[in-house]
């Protein structure tokens, strides 16, 4: 057919899906860009900017949650070195954790082991660089997609917040399924905005099955709308991806747990149908995530909560596509706030969406005051609103940096103290490193040199169940040790009762009216000590955000110590 010949077009019917080109706003709607020649940001800028910040995160990030250590770093250490701590979730009796997720990271960890040999710390950071790389790639796709659809300004605002927001800075290199789901949400959202609906649904399936099964709720809006737009392609993409991953997960679980089981299904059954008793691990009030969101995103979080409020004014720009992308933030926040057991990491999947929502609000400042019948209105108040955009963004970015700086410098002592261990190898092989109340800040066996034969817990009053070393005699990953239970009940075997067997001791000494074990200078000598921010005695404002000069003056610090037994 001659392509220059006009063709007839079918009149749209009420049942037809809305045409994408006419129903949703894009940057091409702007008169200045009506020629369509501007394709938005190039890939290099966001990739380079995010790469620098994720490198900084990988090298300086602290470990925020002991669950990251004992449920992911320790099992990975066992796969690589045949030693490491095991939690009850990895007992074959319960089989709640996916070994497929661990194997995905072993793709990097195993070659790093071959390259660096006994230098386990470098292997640890190699995995962290891999996590940072995943964050860079997925968020770059999101930023470029926003740029192509909504323009460079919104994309640049989003990029700046993704780079510097404290929540994204820390979550991006955390070894957690919720972080993996965060990568998947960034990528799925970007692909959705690029009209790659089948790929968006496939990535959503990866985020749920390989990452965190409970994050399925956060993927629903993009998945359902993609199915509405292109049902056949999206359904096939999601179904095939899900079937392959579920099959791989079951086979992998069989290989490690020694029986046919599905960790994905077990986790869902335990927490939903089985009444998982998550309250055993602590409960928080309904405002926990609102407070936590402000701590990690400051005014960025406040603006993100206002997105729905400005939507009636900016409907042409942001509905339906950007609304669909951002809507998981509110769905997820509402759902998680209703759960009694709350953890900061549970919000990780929607962290990038907080940045997108806040950026959209800032970009719309002038629209709030512009005459809706005069798009070219450039009155004084509109000019002031335009001026406020970079001002508000700068305040957010500075506050974010202040939060990041405070956390890194206030709480980095545990990782740094354990690094010092390798410089004290003048003791006999088989030394025992003892940890009491600081067990939950143990940075993983990657920081324990080979001359330390055992890491043992000593009783400092904790009444819950602690991790045990993987027991190869009982079957290693396939074992179902009798000392594990799912009721968080302490086992008599979890503590070392003969304190005289300890060669090294790690403890935090705070300004309290009682003595610690390390205070006995006739038994212990400090070989390393670093300041550690005392959360209880420091004012909330000064410990949460770094304020020059006042941070050191107003906050109270204890000493995080590595001690060695004095030979008799």
Protein backbone atom coordinates (compact mmCIF):
# COMPACT_ATOMS: atom_id res chain seq x y z
CA UNK A 1 0.00 0.00 0.00
CA UNK A 2 1.23 3.49 -0.77
CA UNK A 3 2.17 4.97 2.60
CA UNK A 4 1.28 8.47 1.39
CA UNK A 5 -2.31 7.44 0.86
CA UNK A 6 -4.72 8.42 3.66
CA UNK A 7 -6.35 5.57 5.51
CA UNK A 8 -9.72 5.43 7.25
CA UNK A 9 -9.76 5.32 11.04
CA UNK A 10 -12.37 3.43 13.05
CA UNK A 11 -14.47 5.62 15.32
CA UNK A 12 -13.57 4.84 18.91
CA UNK A 13 -16.17 3.00 20.94
CA UNK A 14 -16.96 3.56 24.61
CA UNK A 15 -15.48 0.15 25.43
CA UNK A 16 -12.13 0.90 23.81
CA UNK A 17 -9.13 1.48 26.08
CA UNK A 18 -8.08 5.13 26.03
CA UNK A 19 -5.54 5.95 23.35
CA UNK A 20 -2.18 6.55 24.98
CA UNK A 21 -1.24 9.44 22.75
CA UNK A 22 -4.32 11.49 23.57
CA UNK A 23 -5.21 10.53 27.14
CA UNK A 24 -1.95 10.93 28.94
CA UNK A 25 0.29 13.93 29.24
CA UNK A 26 3.82 13.88 27.97
CA UNK A 27 6.49 16.50 27.57
CA UNK A 28 5.64 16.70 23.88
CA UNK A 29 2.44 18.46 24.94
CA UNK A 30 4.56 21.47 25.78
CA UNK A 31 4.55 23.97 22.94
CA UNK A 32 8.28 24.50 23.21
CA UNK A 33 8.87 20.81 22.57
CA UNK A 34 6.14 20.14 20.08
CA UNK A 35 8.62 19.24 17.37
CA UNK A 36 9.52 16.09 19.35
CA UNK A 37 13.25 16.48 18.75
CA UNK A 38 14.18 16.66 22.44
CA UNK A 39 14.31 13.11 23.79
CA UNK A 40 15.06 14.10 27.37
CA UNK A 41 18.09 13.21 29.46
CA UNK A 42 20.72 10.96 27.96
CA UNK A 43 21.60 7.76 29.79
CA UNK A 44 25.10 8.89 30.76
CA UNK A 45 24.18 11.68 33.20
CA UNK A 46 21.92 9.72 35.59
CA UNK A 47 24.11 6.64 35.31
CA UNK A 48 27.23 8.62 36.23
CA UNK A 49 25.58 10.64 39.01
CA UNK A 50 23.92 7.62 40.59
CA UNK A 51 27.12 5.60 40.12
CA UNK A 52 29.14 8.04 42.22
CA UNK A 53 26.59 8.12 45.04
CA UNK A 54 26.06 4.36 45.06
CA UNK A 55 29.82 3.84 45.18
CA UNK A 56 29.89 6.10 48.23
CA UNK A 57 27.02 4.13 49.74
CA UNK A 58 28.72 0.79 49.12
CA UNK A 59 31.92 1.92 50.83
CA UNK A 60 30.44 3.88 53.75
CA UNK A 61 27.01 2.40 54.46
CA UNK A 62 26.47 0.95 57.90
CA UNK A 63 24.43 -2.18 58.55
CA UNK A 64 21.06 -0.97 59.79
CA UNK A 65 19.40 -4.22 60.74
CA UNK A 66 20.66 -7.47 62.22
CA UNK A 67 18.25 -9.29 59.92
CA UNK A 68 20.49 -8.27 57.01
CA UNK A 69 23.46 -9.93 58.69
CA UNK A 70 21.97 -13.13 60.03
CA UNK A 71 19.50 -13.91 57.26
CA UNK A 72 21.63 -12.94 54.25
CA UNK A 73 25.30 -12.13 54.87
CA UNK A 74 25.83 -15.12 57.19
CA UNK A 75 24.21 -17.77 54.95
CA UNK A 76 26.17 -16.34 52.00
CA UNK A 77 29.34 -16.61 54.08
CA UNK A 78 28.48 -20.25 54.77
CA UNK A 79 28.01 -20.96 51.05
CA UNK A 80 31.44 -19.47 50.36
CA UNK A 81 33.52 -20.52 53.39
CA UNK A 82 31.49 -23.31 55.07
CA UNK A 83 31.14 -21.29 58.29
CA UNK A 84 28.49 -18.82 59.33
CA UNK A 85 25.51 -18.26 61.57
CA UNK A 86 22.13 -19.83 60.88
CA UNK A 87 18.75 -18.50 61.99
CA UNK A 88 15.69 -20.62 62.67
CA UNK A 89 14.19 -19.48 59.35
CA UNK A 90 16.94 -21.45 57.56
CA UNK A 91 16.20 -24.65 59.47
CA UNK A 92 14.79 -27.20 57.03
CA UNK A 93 11.93 -27.67 59.48
CA UNK A 94 10.68 -24.17 58.59
CA UNK A 95 12.50 -23.33 55.29
CA UNK A 96 11.30 -19.73 55.14
CA UNK A 97 14.29 -18.20 53.32
CA UNK A 98 15.07 -18.51 49.64
CA UNK A 99 18.45 -19.89 48.62
CA UNK A 100 17.76 -18.72 45.07
CA UNK A 101 18.05 -15.14 46.33
CA UNK A 102 21.42 -15.99 47.91
CA UNK A 103 22.65 -17.73 44.76
CA UNK A 104 21.86 -14.63 42.72
CA UNK A 105 24.39 -12.73 44.85
CA UNK A 106 26.85 -15.61 44.85
CA UNK A 107 27.23 -14.89 41.12
CA UNK A 108 29.43 -11.99 42.23
CA UNK A 109 30.64 -13.30 45.59
CA UNK A 110 32.14 -16.53 44.21
CA UNK A 111 34.40 -14.87 41.58
CA UNK A 112 35.36 -12.28 44.22
CA UNK A 113 36.43 -15.16 46.47
CA UNK A 114 38.63 -16.54 43.67
CA UNK A 115 40.20 -13.12 43.10
CA UNK A 116 40.67 -11.95 46.70
CA UNK A 117 41.22 -15.31 48.39
CA UNK A 118 41.31 -14.98 52.17
CA UNK A 119 40.52 -11.26 52.14
CA UNK A 120 36.88 -11.67 53.12
CA UNK A 121 36.31 -7.96 53.65
CA UNK A 122 36.93 -7.34 49.95
CA UNK A 123 34.44 -10.06 49.06
CA UNK A 124 31.89 -8.30 51.27
CA UNK A 125 32.41 -5.01 49.46
CA UNK A 126 32.35 -6.70 46.06
CA UNK A 127 28.80 -7.83 46.82
CA UNK A 128 27.95 -4.34 47.99
CA UNK A 129 29.25 -2.86 44.74
CA UNK A 130 27.01 -5.31 42.90
CA UNK A 131 24.01 -4.14 44.92
CA UNK A 132 24.91 -0.55 44.14
CA UNK A 133 25.22 -1.38 40.44
CA UNK A 134 21.72 -2.89 40.41
CA UNK A 135 20.43 0.28 42.03
CA UNK A 136 22.21 2.48 39.47
CA UNK A 137 20.87 0.58 36.45
CA UNK A 138 17.26 0.37 37.62
CA UNK A 139 17.05 3.98 38.80
CA UNK A 140 18.70 5.22 35.62
CA UNK A 141 15.93 3.58 33.61
CA UNK A 142 13.34 5.28 35.84
CA UNK A 143 14.93 8.73 35.49
CA UNK A 144 15.33 8.47 31.71
CA UNK A 145 11.73 7.26 31.37
CA UNK A 146 10.47 10.24 33.41
CA UNK A 147 12.59 12.57 31.28
CA UNK A 148 11.19 11.25 28.02
CA UNK A 149 7.60 11.41 29.18
CA UNK A 150 7.50 14.45 31.43
CA UNK A 151 10.58 16.50 30.66
CA UNK A 152 14.04 17.16 31.99
CA UNK A 153 13.04 19.26 34.97
CA UNK A 154 11.01 16.55 36.68
CA UNK A 155 13.66 13.97 35.81
CA UNK A 156 16.47 16.11 37.26
CA UNK A 157 14.54 16.72 40.48
CA UNK A 158 13.96 12.99 40.79
CA UNK A 159 17.60 12.22 40.03
CA UNK A 160 18.82 14.66 42.69
CA UNK A 161 16.59 13.09 45.34
CA UNK A 162 17.47 9.52 44.37
CA UNK A 163 21.13 10.44 44.68
CA UNK A 164 21.04 12.26 48.01
CA UNK A 165 17.94 11.18 49.92
CA UNK A 166 19.14 9.32 53.00
CA UNK A 167 16.61 6.52 52.60
CA UNK A 168 17.71 5.71 49.05
CA UNK A 169 21.39 6.15 49.93
CA UNK A 170 21.21 3.47 52.62
CA UNK A 171 18.64 1.11 51.10
CA UNK A 172 20.44 0.97 47.74
CA UNK A 173 23.32 -1.16 49.06
CA UNK A 174 21.55 -3.13 51.77
CA UNK A 175 21.60 -6.91 51.25
CA UNK A 176 17.86 -7.39 51.77
CA UNK A 177 14.96 -8.75 49.69
CA UNK A 178 13.11 -5.48 50.32
CA UNK A 179 16.00 -3.62 48.64
CA UNK A 180 15.82 -6.04 45.72
CA UNK A 181 12.10 -5.33 45.42
CA UNK A 182 12.99 -1.63 45.44
CA UNK A 183 15.27 -2.18 42.42
CA UNK A 184 12.46 -4.05 40.69
CA UNK A 185 9.90 -1.31 41.37
CA UNK A 186 12.25 1.32 39.93
CA UNK A 187 12.83 -0.76 36.82
CA UNK A 188 9.20 -1.83 36.38
CA UNK A 189 8.02 1.78 36.78
CA UNK A 190 10.55 3.01 34.23
CA UNK A 191 9.60 0.31 31.72
CA UNK A 192 5.92 1.11 32.26
CA UNK A 193 6.52 4.80 31.46
CA UNK A 194 8.44 3.73 28.35
CA UNK A 195 5.38 1.69 27.29
CA UNK A 196 7.25 -1.62 27.75
CA UNK A 197 4.30 -3.25 29.48
CA UNK A 198 5.27 -6.89 29.08
CA UNK A 199 8.75 -6.20 30.41
CA UNK A 200 7.29 -4.21 33.33
CA UNK A 201 5.10 -7.15 34.36
CA UNK A 202 8.00 -9.60 34.00
CA UNK A 203 10.23 -7.42 36.21
CA UNK A 204 7.39 -7.19 38.74
CA UNK A 205 7.29 -10.98 38.91
CA UNK A 206 11.06 -11.06 39.49
CA UNK A 207 10.76 -8.51 42.30
CA UNK A 208 8.08 -10.57 44.04
CA UNK A 209 9.44 -14.10 43.60
CA UNK A 210 13.19 -13.56 43.69
CA UNK A 211 12.92 -10.61 46.06
CA UNK A 212 10.22 -10.14 48.66
CA UNK A 213 6.88 -11.99 48.14
CA UNK A 214 4.93 -9.49 50.25
CA UNK A 215 5.86 -6.66 47.91
CA UNK A 216 3.30 -8.00 45.43
CA UNK A 217 0.92 -5.33 46.69
CA UNK A 218 3.30 -2.58 45.59
CA UNK A 219 3.55 -4.03 42.08
CA UNK A 220 -0.20 -4.39 41.54
CA UNK A 221 -1.03 -0.97 40.00
CA UNK A 222 1.61 -1.18 37.27
CA UNK A 223 0.86 -4.85 36.64
CA UNK A 224 -2.92 -4.47 36.43
CA UNK A 225 -2.79 -1.40 34.19
CA UNK A 226 -0.23 -3.07 31.93
CA UNK A 227 -2.58 -6.03 31.60
CA UNK A 228 -5.38 -3.61 30.77
CA UNK A 229 -3.36 -1.93 28.03
CA UNK A 230 -1.69 -4.98 26.48
CA UNK A 231 -3.17 -8.04 28.08
CA UNK A 232 -1.72 -10.79 25.91
CA UNK A 233 1.91 -9.64 25.90
CA UNK A 234 1.88 -8.60 29.57
CA UNK A 235 0.20 -11.81 30.71
CA UNK A 236 2.61 -14.02 28.81
CA UNK A 237 5.61 -12.06 30.07
CA UNK A 238 4.48 -12.27 33.69
CA UNK A 239 3.29 -15.88 33.55
CA UNK A 240 6.42 -17.25 31.87
CA UNK A 241 8.74 -15.33 34.20
CA UNK A 242 6.78 -16.45 37.27
CA UNK A 243 6.73 -20.10 36.20
CA UNK A 244 10.48 -20.16 35.51
CA UNK A 245 11.39 -18.45 38.78
CA UNK A 246 9.06 -20.56 40.90
CA UNK A 247 10.47 -23.73 39.35
CA UNK A 248 14.04 -22.54 39.93
CA UNK A 249 13.16 -21.59 43.51
CA UNK A 250 11.69 -25.02 44.29
CA UNK A 251 14.64 -26.88 42.73
CA UNK A 252 17.12 -24.67 44.57
CA UNK A 253 15.30 -25.13 47.87
CA UNK A 254 15.33 -28.90 47.33
CA UNK A 255 19.07 -28.81 46.71
CA UNK A 256 19.79 -26.94 49.95
CA UNK A 257 16.99 -27.93 52.31
CA UNK A 258 17.16 -31.57 51.25
CA UNK A 259 13.45 -31.90 50.65
CA UNK A 260 10.82 -30.70 48.22
CA UNK A 261 9.56 -27.40 49.53
CA UNK A 262 8.94 -23.82 48.46
CA UNK A 263 10.40 -21.08 50.63
CA UNK A 264 8.15 -18.53 48.87
CA UNK A 265 5.02 -20.48 49.78
CA UNK A 266 6.30 -21.29 53.29
CA UNK A 267 6.90 -17.62 54.01
CA UNK A 268 3.44 -16.64 52.84
CA UNK A 269 1.77 -19.44 54.81
CA UNK A 270 3.69 -18.62 57.99
CA UNK A 271 2.89 -14.90 57.89
CA UNK A 272 -0.62 -15.01 56.49
CA UNK A 273 -2.45 -18.32 56.87
CA UNK A 274 -0.32 -19.49 59.77
CA UNK A 275 -0.56 -16.34 61.86
CA UNK A 276 3.17 -15.69 61.89
CA UNK A 277 3.32 -14.15 65.37
CA UNK A 278 5.48 -11.32 64.12
CA UNK A 279 4.61 -9.46 67.34
CA UNK A 280 7.25 -11.63 69.00
CA UNK A 281 9.88 -9.44 67.34
CA UNK A 282 8.48 -6.10 68.45
CA UNK A 283 5.50 -3.91 67.64
CA UNK A 284 5.17 -0.22 66.83
CA UNK A 285 2.32 2.29 66.67
CA UNK A 286 0.45 3.34 63.51
CA UNK A 287 2.56 6.51 63.09
CA UNK A 288 5.88 4.63 62.99
CA UNK A 289 6.30 4.82 59.22
CA UNK A 290 5.30 8.49 59.06
CA UNK A 291 7.99 9.37 61.60
CA UNK A 292 10.49 7.07 59.92
CA UNK A 293 9.65 8.51 56.51
CA UNK A 294 10.37 12.03 57.70
CA UNK A 295 13.67 10.95 59.29
CA UNK A 296 14.88 9.37 56.07
CA UNK A 297 13.40 11.83 53.56
CA UNK A 298 12.63 14.98 55.62
CA UNK A 299 10.50 17.44 53.61
CA UNK A 300 10.69 15.19 50.57
CA UNK A 301 8.39 12.77 52.41
CA UNK A 302 5.98 15.57 53.34
CA UNK A 303 5.71 16.69 49.72
CA UNK A 304 5.25 13.11 48.56
CA UNK A 305 2.24 12.81 50.86
CA UNK A 306 0.78 15.93 49.19
CA UNK A 307 0.91 14.50 45.67
CA UNK A 308 -2.70 13.35 45.74
CA UNK A 309 -3.69 16.83 46.91
CA UNK A 310 -2.22 18.59 43.87
CA UNK A 311 -3.47 15.94 41.45
CA UNK A 312 -6.75 17.75 40.59
CA UNK A 313 -4.70 20.73 39.41
CA UNK A 314 -2.01 18.68 37.64
CA UNK A 315 -4.31 15.93 36.39
CA UNK A 316 -3.54 16.51 32.71
CA UNK A 317 0.18 16.14 33.40
CA UNK A 318 0.25 13.19 35.75
CA UNK A 319 -2.88 11.07 35.23
CA UNK A 320 -3.07 8.24 34.60
CA UNK A 321 0.52 7.06 34.09
CA UNK A 322 2.45 8.85 36.83
CA UNK A 323 -0.43 8.36 39.24
CA UNK A 324 -0.27 4.62 38.59
CA UNK A 325 3.49 4.62 39.15
CA UNK A 326 3.25 6.57 42.41
CA UNK A 327 0.08 4.97 43.81
CA UNK A 328 1.92 1.98 45.38
CA UNK A 329 3.45 4.45 47.83
CA UNK A 330 0.08 5.14 49.45
CA UNK A 331 -1.20 1.58 49.15
CA UNK A 332 1.96 0.17 50.71
CA UNK A 333 2.20 2.81 53.43
CA UNK A 334 -1.40 2.26 54.44
CA UNK A 335 -1.14 -1.52 54.43
CA UNK A 336 2.15 -1.69 56.34
CA UNK A 337 0.96 0.84 58.93
CA UNK A 338 -1.85 -1.55 59.84
CA UNK A 339 0.58 -4.37 60.64
CA UNK A 340 1.67 -4.60 64.30
CA UNK A 341 5.28 -5.58 63.52
CA UNK A 342 7.09 -2.74 61.78
CA UNK A 343 10.64 -2.38 60.52
CA UNK A 344 12.29 0.45 58.64
CA UNK A 345 13.33 -1.92 55.86
CA UNK A 346 9.72 -2.83 55.13
CA UNK A 347 9.28 0.54 53.40
CA UNK A 348 12.33 0.10 51.13
CA UNK A 349 10.34 -1.04 48.06
CA UNK A 350 8.59 2.33 47.68
CA UNK A 351 11.55 4.58 48.51
CA UNK A 352 12.13 5.65 44.86
CA UNK A 353 8.44 6.50 44.53
CA UNK A 354 8.76 8.97 47.42
CA UNK A 355 11.36 10.82 45.36
CA UNK A 356 9.20 10.78 42.22
CA UNK A 357 6.09 12.00 44.05
CA UNK A 358 7.93 14.83 45.83
CA UNK A 359 9.60 15.88 42.58
CA UNK A 360 6.23 16.03 40.83
CA UNK A 361 4.86 18.29 43.56
CA UNK A 362 7.85 20.65 43.38
CA UNK A 363 7.66 20.76 39.59
CA UNK A 364 3.97 21.71 39.87
CA UNK A 365 4.46 24.67 42.23
CA UNK A 366 3.65 27.29 39.53
CA UNK A 367 0.55 25.36 38.45
CA UNK A 368 -0.94 25.81 41.92
CA UNK A 369 -1.16 29.59 41.33
CA UNK A 370 -1.55 29.81 37.57
CA UNK A 371 -4.91 30.68 36.03
CA UNK A 372 -6.27 27.38 34.77
CA UNK A 373 -7.65 29.12 31.68
CA UNK A 374 -4.35 30.83 30.92
CA UNK A 375 -1.43 28.41 30.66
CA UNK A 376 0.93 31.29 29.87
CA UNK A 377 0.11 33.15 33.09
CA UNK A 378 3.38 34.58 34.40
CA UNK A 379 2.16 36.74 37.27
CA UNK A 380 4.30 37.65 40.26
CA UNK A 381 3.02 34.79 42.40
CA UNK A 382 3.78 32.33 39.61
CA UNK A 383 7.32 33.72 39.37
CA UNK A 384 7.70 33.31 43.14
CA UNK A 385 6.51 29.72 42.87
CA UNK A 386 9.09 29.04 40.15
CA UNK A 387 11.77 30.55 42.37
CA UNK A 388 10.71 28.32 45.26
CA UNK A 389 11.33 25.13 43.30
CA UNK A 390 15.16 25.15 43.56
CA UNK A 391 14.97 26.59 47.08
CA UNK A 392 12.80 23.76 48.39
CA UNK A 393 14.87 21.18 46.53
CA UNK A 394 18.08 22.58 48.07
CA UNK A 395 16.60 22.42 51.57
CA UNK A 396 15.62 18.78 51.01
CA UNK A 397 19.03 17.83 49.66
CA UNK A 398 20.92 19.58 52.46
CA UNK A 399 18.73 17.98 55.12
CA UNK A 400 19.25 14.60 53.48
CA UNK A 401 23.01 15.02 53.53
CA UNK A 402 22.83 16.05 57.18
CA UNK A 403 20.90 12.87 57.99
CA UNK A 404 23.29 10.66 56.03
CA UNK A 405 26.37 12.23 57.62
CA UNK A 406 24.94 11.83 61.12
CA UNK A 407 24.13 8.14 60.70
CA UNK A 408 27.42 7.20 59.06
CA UNK A 409 29.63 9.02 61.54
CA UNK A 410 27.48 8.26 64.56
CA UNK A 411 27.06 4.52 64.05
CA UNK A 412 29.97 3.28 61.90
CA UNK A 413 31.99 1.99 64.86
CA UNK A 414 30.89 -1.70 64.77
CA UNK A 415 32.13 -2.35 61.21
CA UNK A 416 35.33 -0.39 61.78
CA UNK A 417 36.09 -2.14 65.08
CA UNK A 418 35.79 -5.60 63.54
CA UNK A 419 38.09 -4.57 60.70
CA UNK A 420 40.81 -3.95 63.28
CA UNK A 421 40.73 -7.61 64.35
CA UNK A 422 42.89 -8.71 61.41
CA UNK A 423 45.78 -6.61 62.73
CA UNK A 424 45.95 -8.64 65.97
CA UNK A 425 46.84 -12.05 64.61
CA UNK A 426 49.62 -12.54 67.17
CA UNK A 427 47.33 -14.84 69.16
CA UNK A 428 47.00 -18.57 68.72
CA UNK A 429 44.71 -19.95 66.04
CA UNK A 430 41.36 -21.01 67.38
CA UNK A 431 40.86 -17.85 69.44
CA UNK A 432 37.36 -17.15 70.71
CA UNK A 433 35.65 -13.82 70.02
CA UNK A 434 32.87 -13.15 72.51
CA UNK A 435 29.96 -10.77 71.99
CA UNK A 436 27.32 -9.97 74.59
CA UNK A 437 24.57 -7.38 74.24
CA UNK A 438 26.14 -6.16 70.99
CA UNK A 439 25.19 -9.34 69.12
CA UNK A 440 22.63 -7.39 67.07
CA UNK A 441 25.37 -5.10 65.71
CA UNK A 442 27.62 -7.97 64.65
CA UNK A 443 28.61 -6.97 61.08
CA UNK A 444 28.94 -10.57 59.80
CA UNK A 445 31.65 -13.22 59.63
CA UNK A 446 33.16 -11.45 56.62
CA UNK A 447 34.88 -9.19 59.15
CA UNK A 448 36.20 -12.01 61.34
CA UNK A 449 39.71 -13.20 60.33
CA UNK A 450 40.54 -16.90 60.04
CA UNK A 451 42.66 -17.05 63.20
CA UNK A 452 39.48 -16.53 65.21
CA UNK A 453 38.12 -20.04 65.57
CA UNK A 454 34.74 -19.21 67.07
CA UNK A 455 32.40 -16.31 67.59
CA UNK A 456 30.30 -16.97 70.71
CA UNK A 457 27.46 -15.14 72.38
CA UNK A 458 27.62 -14.46 76.11
CA UNK A 459 24.56 -13.85 78.25
CA UNK A 460 23.88 -10.17 78.86
CA UNK A 461 20.20 -10.55 79.60
CA UNK A 462 18.66 -11.09 76.15
CA UNK A 463 15.78 -13.57 76.42
CA UNK A 464 15.12 -14.35 72.76
CA UNK A 465 16.50 -16.96 70.37
CA UNK A 466 19.92 -16.18 68.89
CA UNK A 467 21.50 -17.59 65.72
CA UNK A 468 23.70 -20.69 65.89
CA UNK A 469 26.54 -21.70 63.62
CA UNK A 470 25.49 -23.84 60.64
CA UNK A 471 26.07 -27.41 61.82
CA UNK A 472 27.66 -29.51 59.07
CA UNK A 473 27.49 -32.59 61.31
CA UNK A 474 23.70 -32.36 61.40
CA UNK A 475 23.49 -31.77 57.65
CA UNK A 476 24.46 -28.13 57.09
CA UNK A 477 21.73 -26.33 55.13
CA UNK A 478 19.54 -29.47 55.21
CA UNK A 479 19.65 -29.74 59.00
CA UNK A 480 16.70 -29.22 61.33
CA UNK A 481 18.54 -28.56 64.62
CA UNK A 482 16.48 -29.25 67.77
CA UNK A 483 17.53 -25.98 69.39
CA UNK A 484 15.57 -23.88 66.85
CA UNK A 485 11.96 -22.82 67.32
CA UNK A 486 9.60 -20.28 65.75
CA UNK A 487 8.48 -18.79 69.07
CA UNK A 488 11.61 -16.66 69.70
CA UNK A 489 12.31 -18.75 72.82
CA UNK A 490 15.94 -18.76 73.92
CA UNK A 491 17.90 -22.00 73.81
CA UNK A 492 20.15 -23.05 76.68
CA UNK A 493 22.89 -23.83 74.17
CA UNK A 494 23.10 -20.38 72.57
CA UNK A 495 25.42 -18.87 75.19
CA UNK A 496 29.03 -19.53 76.13
CA UNK A 497 28.96 -19.86 79.91
CA UNK A 498 32.72 -20.16 80.45
CA UNK A 499 33.74 -16.53 80.00
CA UNK A 500 37.38 -17.45 80.69
CA UNK A 501 37.43 -19.10 77.26
CA UNK A 502 37.05 -15.70 75.56
CA UNK A 503 40.18 -14.33 73.88
CA UNK A 504 38.54 -11.19 72.51
CA UNK A 505 35.51 -9.25 73.69
CA UNK A 506 33.41 -6.67 71.84
CA UNK A 507 31.20 -4.37 73.84
CA UNK A 508 29.72 -0.91 73.91
CA UNK A 509 30.57 1.16 76.97
CA UNK A 510 28.05 3.93 77.59
CA UNK A 511 27.83 6.51 80.36
CA UNK A 512 25.65 4.45 82.66
CA UNK A 513 25.75 3.86 86.42
CA UNK A 514 26.93 0.26 86.08
CA UNK A 515 30.11 -1.51 85.04
CA UNK A 516 30.60 -3.70 81.99
CA UNK A 517 32.81 -6.76 81.65
CA UNK A 518 35.44 -4.75 79.85
CA UNK A 519 35.70 -2.38 82.78
CA UNK A 520 37.80 -4.98 84.59
CA UNK A 521 41.22 -3.65 83.58
CA UNK A 522 42.97 -6.53 85.35
CA UNK A 523 41.40 -8.96 82.86
CA UNK A 524 40.90 -6.97 79.66
CA UNK A 525 42.93 -4.46 77.70
CA UNK A 526 41.37 -2.28 75.03
CA UNK A 527 43.11 -2.69 71.67
CA UNK A 528 40.68 -0.46 69.77
CA UNK A 529 38.00 2.04 70.74
CA UNK A 530 35.78 4.26 68.57
CA UNK A 531 33.04 6.74 69.51
CA UNK A 532 29.45 5.57 69.14
CA UNK A 533 26.45 7.89 69.29
CA UNK A 534 24.37 7.34 72.42
CA UNK A 535 20.83 7.43 71.10
CA UNK A 536 19.14 7.55 74.49
CA UNK A 537 21.07 10.51 75.90
CA UNK A 538 21.37 12.57 72.70
CA UNK A 539 18.64 15.07 71.68
CA UNK A 540 16.49 13.77 68.80
CA UNK A 541 17.19 16.73 66.49
CA UNK A 542 20.96 16.68 66.87
CA UNK A 543 21.36 12.91 66.63
CA UNK A 544 19.07 12.69 63.57
CA UNK A 545 20.65 15.48 61.51
CA UNK A 546 24.21 16.75 61.37
CA UNK A 547 24.32 20.42 62.29
CA UNK A 548 27.85 21.85 62.05
CA UNK A 549 29.52 22.46 65.41
CA UNK A 550 26.39 21.48 67.35
CA UNK A 551 26.48 17.78 66.38
CA UNK A 552 29.59 17.05 68.42
CA UNK A 553 28.65 19.49 71.19
CA UNK A 554 25.05 18.45 71.83
CA UNK A 555 25.29 14.69 71.32
CA UNK A 556 26.57 12.16 73.84
CA UNK A 557 28.95 9.39 72.76
CA UNK A 558 29.90 6.06 74.21
CA UNK A 559 32.95 3.99 73.25
CA UNK A 560 32.69 0.90 71.07
CA UNK A 561 35.59 -1.32 72.17
CA UNK A 562 37.52 -4.34 71.05
CA UNK A 563 39.22 -5.87 74.09
CA UNK A 564 41.74 -8.66 74.47
CA UNK A 565 42.21 -10.85 77.50
CA UNK A 566 45.44 -10.07 79.36
CA UNK A 567 47.60 -13.23 79.52
CA UNK A 568 48.19 -14.47 83.05
